[in-house]
Amino acid sequence: MKFDGRKDSRVKMDHRQPVNLMGSDGTWRRSCVLLDVSNTGAKIEVEGTLDVLQAKEFFLVLSSTGLAYRRCELVWIDGTMAGVHFITADGKRKSANAKPAAAETK
């Protein structure tokens, strides 16, 4: 589903999906709610202060065990809402036109 004029399809959450933000060095953590997500980024609602989002990079932790996460960077902040862009393992922004890894090996 595409909305908000975005290039990549985003999935809007029907109910509150709790996730966490965590500093790359592990020194801070913030609870938040995942509002929508795509292959390249996400929109979140942050609980508590947003001062920690001044960090260049951080992790969006998607599971309670910490095993599912995405490395990301802040794109925008509006009140308690924030937009993040996912970063690939090589340090580059993930492209909306990137092919899944399985497709690249064929």
C-alpha atoms as a PDB file:
ATOM      1  CA  MET A   1       0.000   0.000   0.000  1.00  0.00           C
ATOM      2  CA  LYS A   2       1.421   3.376  -0.985  1.00  0.00           C
ATOM      3  CA  PHE A   3       0.473   6.544   0.868  1.00  0.00           C
ATOM      4  CA  ASP A   4       1.964   9.942   1.708  1.00  0.00           C
ATOM      5  CA  GLY A   5       3.528  10.125  -1.789  1.00  0.00           C
ATOM      6  CA  ARG A   6       6.320   7.693  -0.878  1.00  0.00           C
ATOM      7  CA  LYS A   7       8.272   5.766  -3.517  1.00  0.00           C
ATOM      8  CA  ASP A   8       8.318   2.511  -1.563  1.00  0.00           C
ATOM      9  CA  SER A   9       5.223   0.686  -0.332  1.00  0.00           C
ATOM     10  CA  ARG A  10       4.622   1.030   3.398  1.00  0.00           C
ATOM     11  CA  VAL A  11       2.617  -1.182   5.689  1.00  0.00           C
ATOM     12  CA  LYS A  12       0.527   0.763   8.183  1.00  0.00           C
ATOM     13  CA  MET A  13       0.087  -0.970  11.547  1.00  0.00           C
ATOM     14  CA  ASP A  14      -3.545  -1.644  12.496  1.00  0.00           C
ATOM     15  CA  HIS A  15      -2.713  -1.690  16.215  1.00  0.00           C
ATOM     16  CA  ARG A  16       0.097  -0.397  18.446  1.00  0.00           C
ATOM     17  CA  GLN A  17       3.258  -2.434  17.813  1.00  0.00           C
ATOM     18  CA  PRO A  18       5.760  -1.818  20.644  1.00  0.00           C
ATOM     19  CA  VAL A  19       9.431  -1.593  19.595  1.00  0.00           C
ATOM     20  CA  ASN A  20      12.562   0.070  21.003  1.00  0.00           C
ATOM     21  CA  LEU A  21      15.274   2.413  19.831  1.00  0.00           C
ATOM     22  CA  MET A  22      18.770   1.708  21.110  1.00  0.00           C
ATOM     23  CA  GLY A  23      22.001   3.631  20.741  1.00  0.00           C
ATOM     24  CA  SER A  24      24.688   2.028  18.567  1.00  0.00           C
ATOM     25  CA  ASP A  25      26.938   1.903  21.624  1.00  0.00           C
ATOM     26  CA  GLY A  26      24.160   0.481  23.852  1.00  0.00           C
ATOM     27  CA  THR A  27      24.197   3.435  26.274  1.00  0.00           C
ATOM     28  CA  TRP A  28      20.555   4.454  25.774  1.00  0.00           C
ATOM     29  CA  ARG A  29      17.196   2.906  24.962  1.00  0.00           C
ATOM     30  CA  ARG A  30      13.732   4.391  24.278  1.00  0.00           C
ATOM     31  CA  SER A  31      10.371   2.667  24.037  1.00  0.00           C
ATOM     32  CA  CYS A  32       8.362   3.545  20.964  1.00  0.00           C
ATOM     33  CA  VAL A  33       5.501   2.394  18.772  1.00  0.00           C
ATOM     34  CA  LEU A  34       5.923   1.335  15.152  1.00  0.00           C
ATOM     35  CA  LEU A  35       3.321   3.196  13.063  1.00  0.00           C
ATOM     36  CA  ASP A  36       4.339   2.090   9.574  1.00  0.00           C
ATOM     37  CA  VAL A  37       7.257   0.321   7.917  1.00  0.00           C
ATOM     38  CA  SER A  38       8.710  -0.350   4.462  1.00  0.00           C
ATOM     39  CA  ASN A  39      11.840  -1.969   3.053  1.00  0.00           C
ATOM     40  CA  THR A  40      13.675   1.332   3.428  1.00  0.00           C
ATOM     41  CA  GLY A  41      12.376   2.968   6.598  1.00  0.00           C
ATOM     42  CA  ALA A  42       9.750   3.405   9.268  1.00  0.00           C
ATOM     43  CA  LYS A  43       7.598   5.931  11.090  1.00  0.00           C
ATOM     44  CA  ILE A  44       7.625   5.672  14.876  1.00  0.00           C
ATOM     45  CA  GLU A  45       6.093   7.398  17.886  1.00  0.00           C
ATOM     46  CA  VAL A  46       8.724   7.836  20.608  1.00  0.00           C
ATOM     47  CA  GLU A  47       7.895   7.667  24.321  1.00  0.00           C
ATOM     48  CA  GLY A  48       9.942   9.967  26.551  1.00  0.00           C
ATOM     49  CA  THR A  49      12.513  12.547  25.522  1.00  0.00           C
ATOM     50  CA  LEU A  50      13.780  12.765  21.960  1.00  0.00           C
ATOM     51  CA  ASP A  51      17.201  14.206  22.864  1.00  0.00           C
ATOM     52  CA  VAL A  52      18.897  10.842  22.251  1.00  0.00           C
ATOM     53  CA  LEU A  53      17.818  10.949  18.606  1.00  0.00           C
ATOM     54  CA  GLN A  54      20.586  13.474  17.951  1.00  0.00           C
ATOM     55  CA  ALA A  55      22.816  10.426  17.405  1.00  0.00           C
ATOM     56  CA  LYS A  56      23.721   9.859  13.755  1.00  0.00           C
ATOM     57  CA  GLU A  57      22.914   6.144  13.843  1.00  0.00           C
ATOM     58  CA  PHE A  58      20.979   3.880  16.166  1.00  0.00           C
ATOM     59  CA  PHE A  59      19.070   0.604  16.141  1.00  0.00           C
ATOM     60  CA  LEU A  60      15.344  -0.021  15.821  1.00  0.00           C
ATOM     61  CA  VAL A  61      14.874  -3.169  17.936  1.00  0.00           C
ATOM     62  CA  LEU A  62      11.842  -5.051  16.652  1.00  0.00           C
ATOM     63  CA  SER A  63      11.710  -7.982  19.081  1.00  0.00           C
ATOM     64  CA  SER A  64      11.687  -8.293  22.863  1.00  0.00           C
ATOM     65  CA  THR A  65      14.766 -10.560  22.698  1.00  0.00           C
ATOM     66  CA  GLY A  66      16.733  -8.094  20.565  1.00  0.00           C
ATOM     67  CA  LEU A  67      17.298 -10.644  17.807  1.00  0.00           C
ATOM     68  CA  ALA A  68      15.331  -8.679  15.186  1.00  0.00           C
ATOM     69  CA  TYR A  69      16.645  -5.166  14.600  1.00  0.00           C
ATOM     70  CA  ARG A  70      17.487  -2.654  11.862  1.00  0.00           C
ATOM     71  CA  ARG A  71      20.343  -0.157  11.811  1.00  0.00           C
ATOM     72  CA  CYS A  72      18.932   3.261  10.974  1.00  0.00           C
ATOM     73  CA  GLU A  73      19.393   7.005  10.886  1.00  0.00           C
ATOM     74  CA  LEU A  74      16.986   9.794  11.741  1.00  0.00           C
ATOM     75  CA  VAL A  75      15.287  11.523   8.806  1.00  0.00           C
ATOM     76  CA  TRP A  76      12.772  13.785  10.555  1.00  0.00           C
ATOM     77  CA  ILE A  77      11.118  14.591  13.904  1.00  0.00           C
ATOM     78  CA  ASP A  78       7.673  16.150  14.402  1.00  0.00           C
ATOM     79  CA  GLY A  79       6.611  16.273  18.053  1.00  0.00           C
ATOM     80  CA  THR A  80       6.731  12.676  19.318  1.00  0.00           C
ATOM     81  CA  MET A  81       6.753  11.222  15.783  1.00  0.00           C
ATOM     82  CA  ALA A  82       9.966  10.404  13.928  1.00  0.00           C
ATOM     83  CA  GLY A  83      10.934   8.992  10.551  1.00  0.00           C
ATOM     84  CA  VAL A  84      13.936   6.702  10.202  1.00  0.00           C
ATOM     85  CA  HIS A  85      15.772   5.358   7.172  1.00  0.00           C
ATOM     86  CA  PHE A  86      17.316   1.887   7.284  1.00  0.00           C
ATOM     87  CA  ILE A  87      21.052   1.507   6.625  1.00  0.00           C
ATOM     88  CA  THR A  88      22.503  -1.595   4.953  1.00  0.00           C
ATOM     89  CA  ALA A  89      25.461  -3.594   6.292  1.00  0.00           C
ATOM     90  CA  ASP A  90      27.869  -1.640   4.053  1.00  0.00           C
ATOM     91  CA  GLY A  91      26.779   1.654   5.633  1.00  0.00           C
ATOM     92  CA  LYS A  92      24.681   2.848   2.691  1.00  0.00           C
ATOM     93  CA  ARG A  93      21.042   3.790   2.744  1.00  0.00           C
ATOM     94  CA  LYS A  94      18.819   0.986   1.567  1.00  0.00           C
ATOM     95  CA  SER A  95      17.407   1.794  -1.870  1.00  0.00           C
ATOM     96  CA  ALA A  96      13.676   1.491  -2.505  1.00  0.00           C
ATOM     97  CA  ASN A  97      14.523  -0.353  -5.735  1.00  0.00           C
ATOM     98  CA  ALA A  98      16.915  -2.839  -4.128  1.00  0.00           C
ATOM     99  CA  LYS A  99      16.281  -6.480  -4.943  1.00  0.00           C
ATOM    100  CA  PRO A 100      15.967  -9.041  -2.158  1.00  0.00           C
ATOM    101  CA  ALA A 101      19.160 -11.042  -1.504  1.00  0.00           C
ATOM    102  CA  ALA A 102      17.541 -14.237  -2.848  1.00  0.00           C
ATOM    103  CA  ALA A 103      16.832 -12.536  -6.192  1.00  0.00           C
ATOM    104  CA  GLU A 104      20.441 -11.365  -6.519  1.00  0.00           C
ATOM    105  CA  THR A 105      21.867 -14.885  -6.267  1.00  0.00           C
ATOM    106  CA  LYS A 106      19.870 -16.247  -9.203  1.00  0.00           C
END
